[in-house]
Amino acid sequence: MRCPYCGFADSVVKDSRPAEEDTAVRRRRGCPQCGGRFTTFERVQLRDLTVLKRDGRRVTFERDKLRRSVMIALQKRPVPEEQLDQIISGIVRRLENMGEAEIPTAAIGEMVMEALGGLDPVAYVRYASVYKDFKTPADFARFIEAQNYDAEGDAKVEE
């Protein structure tokens, strides 16, 4: 593994341990050239996934891009990093287990919405505002009403 600090072509593994519910290996590494320390993650990839965009383009699926979009929705929300990693790993596993090489963005978006809906109502609405392309404040209001949330963000209970 190339050192991210000095670019030296080799590094030494100092520590390895399971991560993300045993779906990845976290390795703590050191550079013999500059002494820098860094962490890498090793994950199983069952197949190469391609994302089919709404405009018909095909792009390679990027786990980090999925993570960044969920992180934006969760910004300043009380959700631990481990829970974020669990969500991302769960979505990626579901995508890989679908058996399809090409995944429409709508399928990915629905999986993220489902995960965020059960986790944090504010993050759920934030993600939905981009995914569903809200244009006006009324779009937010209609969406929230359709989701059956009260003013505190809790699910309404039907009596």
Foldseek 3Di string as FASTA:
>chain_A
DADPPPRPPDWAFPDWDAALVNQKIKTWIAHPPPGDIDIDIGGDDLDWAWEQEPVRDIDTDDLVVLLVLLCVLCPPPPDDPSLSSNLSVVLSVVVRVVPDRYHYVVVSLVSSLVSCVVPPQSSNLVSCCVVVVDDDVVVSVVVCVVQQADPVRHHDDDD
